[in-house]
């Protein structure tokens, strides 16, 4: 049966200093909202030749403008060690930007 979908395709580049300026709670809420949307998502045309992978949410730390640093990308999941490591790289123990 044909379906109608609400589809989110978000690609936002937030400056690191603005992301870090958010509280831990604000960052957690954003991540959790994205995760909740992802868990409710289904593949469009699943099983058909025109199937679309519409169950994706990526966390990407863009560092290609910095010398000798590559970008890091991983899936947004409930417990993702790689994502937690990226967040650790952004914040020191004090919650301030690591230099």
C-alpha atoms as a PDB file:
ATOM      1  CA  UNK A   1       0.000   0.000   0.000  1.00  0.00           C
ATOM      2  CA  UNK A   2       1.419   3.450  -0.915  1.00  0.00           C
ATOM      3  CA  UNK A   3       2.544   5.533   2.044  1.00  0.00           C
ATOM      4  CA  UNK A   4       3.252   9.151   2.745  1.00  0.00           C
ATOM      5  CA  UNK A   5       6.402  10.025   4.733  1.00  0.00           C
ATOM      6  CA  UNK A   6       7.811  12.900   6.700  1.00  0.00           C
ATOM      7  CA  UNK A   7      11.463  12.914   5.703  1.00  0.00           C
ATOM      8  CA  UNK A   8      14.291  14.792   7.417  1.00  0.00           C
ATOM      9  CA  UNK A   9      17.482  15.456   5.477  1.00  0.00           C
ATOM     10  CA  UNK A  10      19.588  17.699   7.684  1.00  0.00           C
ATOM     11  CA  UNK A  11      23.174  18.745   7.011  1.00  0.00           C
ATOM     12  CA  UNK A  12      24.254  21.514   9.385  1.00  0.00           C
ATOM     13  CA  UNK A  13      27.803  22.689  10.028  1.00  0.00           C
ATOM     14  CA  UNK A  14      27.950  24.248  13.480  1.00  0.00           C
ATOM     15  CA  UNK A  15      31.159  26.066  14.417  1.00  0.00           C
ATOM     16  CA  UNK A  16      32.969  24.131  17.145  1.00  0.00           C
ATOM     17  CA  UNK A  17      32.920  27.076  19.552  1.00  0.00           C
ATOM     18  CA  UNK A  18      29.125  27.398  19.194  1.00  0.00           C
ATOM     19  CA  UNK A  19      28.635  23.649  19.770  1.00  0.00           C
ATOM     20  CA  UNK A  20      30.837  23.756  22.867  1.00  0.00           C
ATOM     21  CA  UNK A  21      28.965  26.827  24.141  1.00  0.00           C
ATOM     22  CA  UNK A  22      25.850  24.660  24.464  1.00  0.00           C
ATOM     23  CA  UNK A  23      25.330  22.974  27.802  1.00  0.00           C
ATOM     24  CA  UNK A  24      25.839  19.220  28.156  1.00  0.00           C
ATOM     25  CA  UNK A  25      22.065  18.911  28.496  1.00  0.00           C
ATOM     26  CA  UNK A  26      21.420  20.843  25.271  1.00  0.00           C
ATOM     27  CA  UNK A  27      23.893  18.678  23.324  1.00  0.00           C
ATOM     28  CA  UNK A  28      22.378  15.509  24.820  1.00  0.00           C
ATOM     29  CA  UNK A  29      18.853  16.641  23.881  1.00  0.00           C
ATOM     30  CA  UNK A  30      19.872  17.304  20.271  1.00  0.00           C
ATOM     31  CA  UNK A  31      21.542  13.885  20.017  1.00  0.00           C
ATOM     32  CA  UNK A  32      18.586  12.144  21.697  1.00  0.00           C
ATOM     33  CA  UNK A  33      16.048  13.882  19.445  1.00  0.00           C
ATOM     34  CA  UNK A  34      17.983  12.724  16.375  1.00  0.00           C
ATOM     35  CA  UNK A  35      18.229   9.202  17.799  1.00  0.00           C
ATOM     36  CA  UNK A  36      14.469   9.134  18.482  1.00  0.00           C
ATOM     37  CA  UNK A  37      13.732  10.177  14.901  1.00  0.00           C
ATOM     38  CA  UNK A  38      16.136   7.502  13.637  1.00  0.00           C
ATOM     39  CA  UNK A  39      14.492   4.743  15.713  1.00  0.00           C
ATOM     40  CA  UNK A  40      11.090   5.596  14.201  1.00  0.00           C
ATOM     41  CA  UNK A  41      12.443   5.632  10.654  1.00  0.00           C
ATOM     42  CA  UNK A  42      11.862   2.972   8.021  1.00  0.00           C
ATOM     43  CA  UNK A  43      13.370   2.338   4.614  1.00  0.00           C
ATOM     44  CA  UNK A  44      11.355   3.851   1.779  1.00  0.00           C
ATOM     45  CA  UNK A  45      10.356   1.146  -0.730  1.00  0.00           C
ATOM     46  CA  UNK A  46      11.959  -1.547   1.436  1.00  0.00           C
ATOM     47  CA  UNK A  47      12.593  -4.753  -0.480  1.00  0.00           C
ATOM     48  CA  UNK A  48      12.033  -3.135  -3.875  1.00  0.00           C
ATOM     49  CA  UNK A  49      14.658  -2.346  -6.499  1.00  0.00           C
ATOM     50  CA  UNK A  50      14.256   1.364  -5.678  1.00  0.00           C
ATOM     51  CA  UNK A  51      14.739   0.909  -1.920  1.00  0.00           C
ATOM     52  CA  UNK A  52      16.184   3.975  -0.197  1.00  0.00           C
ATOM     53  CA  UNK A  53      18.237   3.872   2.985  1.00  0.00           C
ATOM     54  CA  UNK A  54      16.284   6.454   4.938  1.00  0.00           C
ATOM     55  CA  UNK A  55      17.380   5.164   8.349  1.00  0.00           C
ATOM     56  CA  UNK A  56      20.604   7.149   8.675  1.00  0.00           C
ATOM     57  CA  UNK A  57      21.877   9.664  11.165  1.00  0.00           C
ATOM     58  CA  UNK A  58      25.552  10.570  11.063  1.00  0.00           C
ATOM     59  CA  UNK A  59      27.717  12.498  13.479  1.00  0.00           C
ATOM     60  CA  UNK A  60      30.529  14.169  11.578  1.00  0.00           C
ATOM     61  CA  UNK A  61      33.358  16.210  13.008  1.00  0.00           C
ATOM     62  CA  UNK A  62      34.650  18.193  10.039  1.00  0.00           C
ATOM     63  CA  UNK A  63      38.355  18.866  10.423  1.00  0.00           C
ATOM     64  CA  UNK A  64      39.556  18.921   6.818  1.00  0.00           C
ATOM     65  CA  UNK A  65      40.395  22.624   7.012  1.00  0.00           C
ATOM     66  CA  UNK A  66      42.879  21.878   9.807  1.00  0.00           C
ATOM     67  CA  UNK A  67      46.345  20.771   8.814  1.00  0.00           C
ATOM     68  CA  UNK A  68      46.967  17.015   9.051  1.00  0.00           C
ATOM     69  CA  UNK A  69      43.588  16.197  10.611  1.00  0.00           C
ATOM     70  CA  UNK A  70      41.000  14.090   8.833  1.00  0.00           C
ATOM     71  CA  UNK A  71      37.252  14.279   9.373  1.00  0.00           C
ATOM     72  CA  UNK A  72      35.586  11.743  11.642  1.00  0.00           C
ATOM     73  CA  UNK A  73      32.146  10.331  10.916  1.00  0.00           C
ATOM     74  CA  UNK A  74      30.077   7.747  12.690  1.00  0.00           C
ATOM     75  CA  UNK A  75      26.463   6.710  13.161  1.00  0.00           C
ATOM     76  CA  UNK A  76      24.338   8.312  15.852  1.00  0.00           C
ATOM     77  CA  UNK A  77      23.441   5.367  18.062  1.00  0.00           C
ATOM     78  CA  UNK A  78      22.397   4.886  21.649  1.00  0.00           C
ATOM     79  CA  UNK A  79      25.835   3.897  22.897  1.00  0.00           C
ATOM     80  CA  UNK A  80      28.531   4.713  20.381  1.00  0.00           C
ATOM     81  CA  UNK A  81      32.117   4.705  21.721  1.00  0.00           C
ATOM     82  CA  UNK A  82      33.464   6.493  18.620  1.00  0.00           C
ATOM     83  CA  UNK A  83      30.938   9.290  19.030  1.00  0.00           C
ATOM     84  CA  UNK A  84      31.746   9.584  22.721  1.00  0.00           C
ATOM     85  CA  UNK A  85      35.450   9.840  21.828  1.00  0.00           C
ATOM     86  CA  UNK A  86      34.681  12.649  19.364  1.00  0.00           C
ATOM     87  CA  UNK A  87      32.812  14.510  22.081  1.00  0.00           C
ATOM     88  CA  UNK A  88      35.726  13.943  24.468  1.00  0.00           C
ATOM     89  CA  UNK A  89      38.049  15.482  21.867  1.00  0.00           C
ATOM     90  CA  UNK A  90      35.853  18.571  21.771  1.00  0.00           C
ATOM     91  CA  UNK A  91      35.702  19.083  25.540  1.00  0.00           C
ATOM     92  CA  UNK A  92      38.229  18.850  28.322  1.00  0.00           C
ATOM     93  CA  UNK A  93      37.333  17.644  31.793  1.00  0.00           C
ATOM     94  CA  UNK A  94      36.467  21.227  32.699  1.00  0.00           C
ATOM     95  CA  UNK A  95      33.939  21.473  29.857  1.00  0.00           C
ATOM     96  CA  UNK A  96      36.155  23.947  28.041  1.00  0.00           C
ATOM     97  CA  UNK A  97      37.602  23.665  24.589  1.00  0.00           C
ATOM     98  CA  UNK A  98      40.761  21.570  24.425  1.00  0.00           C
ATOM     99  CA  UNK A  99      43.598  23.396  22.740  1.00  0.00           C
END
